[in-house]
C-alpha atoms as a PDB file:
ATOM      1  CA  ILE A   1      17.021   0.741  -1.727  1.00  0.00           C
ATOM      2  CA  SER A   2      14.780   3.820   0.244  1.00  0.00           C
ATOM      3  CA  MET A   3      13.334   3.321   2.967  1.00  0.00           C
ATOM      4  CA  GLN A   4      10.865   5.670   4.409  1.00  0.00           C
ATOM      5  CA  ALA A   5       8.425   6.605   7.253  1.00  0.00           C
ATOM      6  CA  ALA A   6       5.358   6.549   6.149  1.00  0.00           C
ATOM      7  CA  THR A   7       3.746   7.031  10.112  1.00  0.00           C
ATOM      8  CA  LYS A   8       3.059  10.435   9.799  1.00  0.00           C
ATOM      9  CA  TYR A   9       3.027  11.537   6.226  1.00  0.00           C
ATOM     10  CA  ILE A  10       0.241   8.832   4.968  1.00  0.00           C
ATOM     11  CA  GLY A  11      -0.241   7.236   7.927  1.00  0.00           C
ATOM     12  CA  GLY A  12      -1.501  11.542   9.640  1.00  0.00           C
ATOM     13  CA  HIS A  13      -2.589  10.341  13.028  1.00  0.00           C
ATOM     14  CA  SER A  14      -1.140   9.190  16.327  1.00  0.00           C
ATOM     15  CA  ASP A  15      -2.924   5.536  15.636  1.00  0.00           C
ATOM     16  CA  ILE A  16      -0.233   3.772  13.014  1.00  0.00           C
ATOM     17  CA  MET A  17       2.881   3.219  12.425  1.00  0.00           C
ATOM     18  CA  PHE A  18       3.613   2.632   8.515  1.00  0.00           C
ATOM     19  CA  GLY A  19       6.446   2.492   6.164  1.00  0.00           C
ATOM     20  CA  THR A  20       7.321   2.681   2.806  1.00  0.00           C
ATOM     21  CA  ILE A  21      10.218   0.719   0.944  1.00  0.00           C
ATOM     22  CA  SER A  22      11.282   1.614  -2.552  1.00  0.00           C
ATOM     23  CA  ALA A  23      13.620  -0.671  -5.192  1.00  0.00           C
ATOM     24  CA  ASN A  24      15.317  -0.127  -8.413  1.00  0.00           C
ATOM     25  CA  ALA A  25      14.681  -3.550 -10.468  1.00  0.00           C
ATOM     26  CA  LYS A  26      18.445  -5.410  -9.580  1.00  0.00           C
ATOM     27  CA  ALA A  27      17.928  -4.147  -5.897  1.00  0.00           C
ATOM     28  CA  TRP A  28      13.854  -5.745  -5.357  1.00  0.00           C
ATOM     29  CA  PRO A  29      14.760  -9.420  -5.715  1.00  0.00           C
ATOM     30  CA  MET A  30      16.803  -9.051  -2.589  1.00  0.00           C
ATOM     31  CA  VAL A  31      14.403  -6.536  -0.613  1.00  0.00           C
ATOM     32  CA  THR A  32      11.005  -9.670  -1.444  1.00  0.00           C
ATOM     33  CA  GLU A  33      13.996 -12.324  -0.474  1.00  0.00           C
ATOM     34  CA  GLY A  34      13.547  -9.820   2.921  1.00  0.00           C
ATOM     35  CA  ILE A  35      10.389  -9.018   2.880  1.00  0.00           C
ATOM     36  CA  ARG A  36       9.509 -12.772   2.960  1.00  0.00           C
ATOM     37  CA  LEU A  37      11.978 -14.737   5.291  1.00  0.00           C
ATOM     38  CA  LEU A  38      11.188 -11.265   8.170  1.00  0.00           C
ATOM     39  CA  GLY A  39       7.662 -12.458   7.725  1.00  0.00           C
ATOM     40  CA  VAL A  40       6.942  -8.493   7.129  1.00  0.00           C
ATOM     41  CA  CYS A  41       3.710  -7.790   6.223  1.00  0.00           C
ATOM     42  CA  ALA A  42       1.206  -5.257   7.081  1.00  0.00           C
ATOM     43  CA  GLY A  43      -2.688  -5.945   8.748  1.00  0.00           C
ATOM     44  CA  PRO A  44      -5.620  -5.227   7.305  1.00  0.00           C
ATOM     45  CA  ASP A  45      -5.804  -2.185  10.183  1.00  0.00           C
ATOM     46  CA  ASP A  46      -2.709  -1.100   9.483  1.00  0.00           C
ATOM     47  CA  VAL A  47      -4.088  -1.104   5.603  1.00  0.00           C
ATOM     48  CA  PHE A  48      -7.242   0.836   6.928  1.00  0.00           C
ATOM     49  CA  LEU A  49      -5.599   3.530   8.783  1.00  0.00           C
ATOM     50  CA  ALA A  50      -2.744   4.680   5.458  1.00  0.00           C
ATOM     51  CA  LEU A  51      -5.609   4.342   3.332  1.00  0.00           C
ATOM     52  CA  ARG A  52      -7.862   6.704   5.904  1.00  0.00           C
ATOM     53  CA  GLY A  53      -4.538   8.958   6.281  1.00  0.00           C
ATOM     54  CA  LEU A  54      -4.120   9.323   2.924  1.00  0.00           C
ATOM     55  CA  ARG A  55      -7.692  10.559   2.523  1.00  0.00           C
ATOM     56  CA  THR A  56      -7.092  13.334   4.048  1.00  0.00           C
ATOM     57  CA  LEU A  57      -3.653  13.948   2.562  1.00  0.00           C
ATOM     58  CA  SER A  58      -4.892  17.073   0.817  1.00  0.00           C
ATOM     59  CA  VAL A  59      -6.825  18.610   3.586  1.00  0.00           C
ATOM     60  CA  ARG A  60      -3.640  18.466   6.200  1.00  0.00           C
ATOM     61  CA  ARG A  61      -1.117  19.874   2.797  1.00  0.00           C
ATOM     62  CA  ALA A  62      -3.037  22.373   2.293  1.00  0.00           C
ATOM     63  CA  PRO A  63      -1.581  25.397   4.418  1.00  0.00           C
ATOM     64  CA  ASP A  64       1.779  24.060   2.917  1.00  0.00           C
ATOM     65  CA  ARG A  65       0.207  24.881  -0.012  1.00  0.00           C
ATOM     66  CA  PRO A  66       1.156  28.593  -0.132  1.00  0.00           C
ATOM     67  CA  GLN A  67       5.224  28.429   0.120  1.00  0.00           C
ATOM     68  CA  ALA A  68       5.328  26.343  -2.011  1.00  0.00           C
ATOM     69  CA  ASP A  69       3.332  27.862  -4.646  1.00  0.00           C
ATOM     70  CA  ARG A  70       4.879  31.067  -3.537  1.00  0.00           C
ATOM     71  CA  ARG A  71       9.115  29.337  -4.074  1.00  0.00           C
ATOM     72  CA  ARG A  72       7.942  27.532  -6.930  1.00  0.00           C
ATOM     73  CA  ARG A  73       7.048  31.113  -8.695  1.00  0.00           C
ATOM     74  CA  ASP A  74      10.335  32.655  -7.479  1.00  0.00           C
ATOM     75  CA  ARG A  75      11.766  30.288  -8.589  1.00  0.00           C
ATOM     76  CA  HIS A  76      10.541  30.091 -12.393  1.00  0.00           C
ATOM     77  CA  ALA A  77       9.967  34.360 -12.584  1.00  0.00           C
ATOM     78  CA  GLY A  78      14.707  34.638 -12.261  1.00  0.00           C
ATOM     79  CA  GLY A  79      14.965  36.687 -15.205  1.00  0.00           C
ATOM     80  CA  GLY A  80      12.567  39.393 -13.605  1.00  0.00           C
ATOM     81  CA  GLN A  81       9.332  38.175 -15.717  1.00  0.00           C
ATOM     82  CA  ARG A  82       6.205  37.880 -13.007  1.00  0.00           C
ATOM     83  CA  LEU A  83       4.261  35.227 -13.138  1.00  0.00           C
ATOM     84  CA  LEU A  84       1.275  35.957 -12.694  1.00  0.00           C
ATOM     85  CA  ARG A  85      -0.801  32.349 -12.242  1.00  0.00           C
ATOM     86  CA  LEU A  86       0.548  29.720 -11.530  1.00  0.00           C
ATOM     87  CA  PRO A  87      -0.953  26.530 -12.981  1.00  0.00           C
ATOM     88  CA  ARG A  88      -1.823  23.753 -10.645  1.00  0.00           C
ATOM     89  CA  PRO A  89      -2.084  19.655 -11.605  1.00  0.00           C
END
Protein backbone atom coordinates (compact mmCIF):
# COMPACT_ATOMS: atom_id res chain seq x y z
CA ILE A 1 0.00 0.00 0.00
CA SER A 2 1.36 3.40 -0.96
CA MET A 3 -0.12 6.69 0.22
CA GLN A 4 1.22 9.84 -1.44
CA ALA A 5 0.51 13.52 -1.01
CA ALA A 6 -0.77 14.96 -4.26
CA THR A 7 -1.15 18.50 -2.97
CA LYS A 8 1.94 20.01 -4.59
CA TYR A 9 2.64 17.75 -7.57
CA ILE A 10 -0.90 17.32 -8.86
CA GLY A 11 -2.53 20.35 -7.28
CA GLY A 12 0.33 22.74 -7.94
CA HIS A 13 -1.43 25.52 -6.08
CA SER A 14 -1.87 26.34 -2.42
CA ASP A 15 -5.65 25.94 -2.39
CA ILE A 16 -5.94 22.15 -2.39
CA MET A 17 -5.16 19.23 -0.09
CA PHE A 18 -5.21 15.96 -1.98
CA GLY A 19 -3.68 12.51 -1.76
CA THR A 20 -3.54 9.19 -3.57
CA ILE A 21 -3.63 5.58 -2.44
CA SER A 22 -2.23 2.74 -4.52
CA ALA A 23 -2.38 -0.92 -3.61
CA ASN A 24 -1.97 -4.33 -5.19
CA ALA A 25 -4.91 -6.65 -5.75
CA LYS A 26 -4.37 -8.43 -2.44
CA ALA A 27 -4.43 -5.25 -0.33
CA TRP A 28 -7.06 -3.34 -2.29
CA PRO A 29 -10.13 -4.82 -0.48
CA MET A 30 -8.65 -3.70 2.85
CA VAL A 31 -8.06 -0.19 1.48
CA THR A 32 -11.59 0.13 0.11
CA GLU A 33 -13.07 -1.15 3.38
CA GLY A 34 -11.10 1.44 5.34
CA ILE A 35 -12.23 4.19 2.98
CA ARG A 36 -15.84 3.07 3.35
CA LEU A 37 -15.67 2.89 7.16
CA LEU A 38 -13.95 6.26 7.55
CA GLY A 39 -16.09 8.03 4.97
CA VAL A 40 -13.09 9.26 3.05
CA CYS A 41 -13.97 10.80 -0.28
CA ALA A 42 -12.95 13.73 -2.43
CA GLY A 43 -15.53 16.44 -2.84
CA PRO A 44 -16.40 17.94 -6.21
CA ASP A 45 -14.49 21.14 -5.49
CA ASP A 46 -11.35 19.20 -4.60
CA VAL A 47 -11.60 17.13 -7.78
CA PHE A 48 -12.09 20.29 -9.85
CA LEU A 49 -8.95 21.83 -8.32
CA ALA A 50 -6.96 18.62 -8.89
CA LEU A 51 -8.02 18.55 -12.55
CA ARG A 52 -7.01 22.19 -12.88
CA GLY A 53 -3.61 21.30 -11.47
CA LEU A 54 -3.22 18.41 -13.91
CA ARG A 55 -3.92 20.77 -16.81
CA THR A 56 -1.00 22.98 -15.74
CA LEU A 57 1.35 20.13 -14.78
CA SER A 58 3.32 20.14 -18.03
CA VAL A 59 3.92 23.89 -17.78
CA ARG A 60 5.05 23.62 -14.16
CA ARG A 61 7.36 20.68 -14.87
CA ALA A 62 8.92 22.22 -18.02
CA PRO A 63 11.93 23.74 -16.17
CA ASP A 64 12.85 20.26 -14.88
CA ARG A 65 13.00 18.67 -18.34
CA PRO A 66 16.46 19.86 -19.50
CA GLN A 67 18.12 18.57 -16.34
CA ALA A 68 16.27 15.22 -16.53
CA ASP A 69 17.16 14.91 -20.22
CA ARG A 70 20.85 15.51 -19.45
CA ARG A 71 20.81 12.84 -16.74
CA ARG A 72 19.08 10.36 -19.02
CA ARG A 73 21.45 11.14 -21.91
CA ASP A 74 24.51 10.74 -19.68
CA ARG A 75 23.22 7.44 -18.31
CA HIS A 76 22.59 5.99 -21.79
CA ALA A 77 25.86 7.25 -23.24
CA GLY A 78 27.95 5.48 -20.60
CA GLY A 79 30.08 3.44 -23.03
CA GLY A 80 31.65 6.44 -24.74
CA GLN A 81 28.80 6.64 -27.22
CA ARG A 82 27.31 10.02 -27.88
CA LEU A 83 23.56 10.48 -27.92
CA LEU A 84 22.72 13.36 -30.25
CA ARG A 85 18.95 13.39 -29.82
CA LEU A 86 16.81 12.20 -26.96
CA PRO A 87 13.38 11.04 -28.17
CA ARG A 88 10.36 12.05 -26.11
CA PRO A 89 7.05 10.27 -25.83
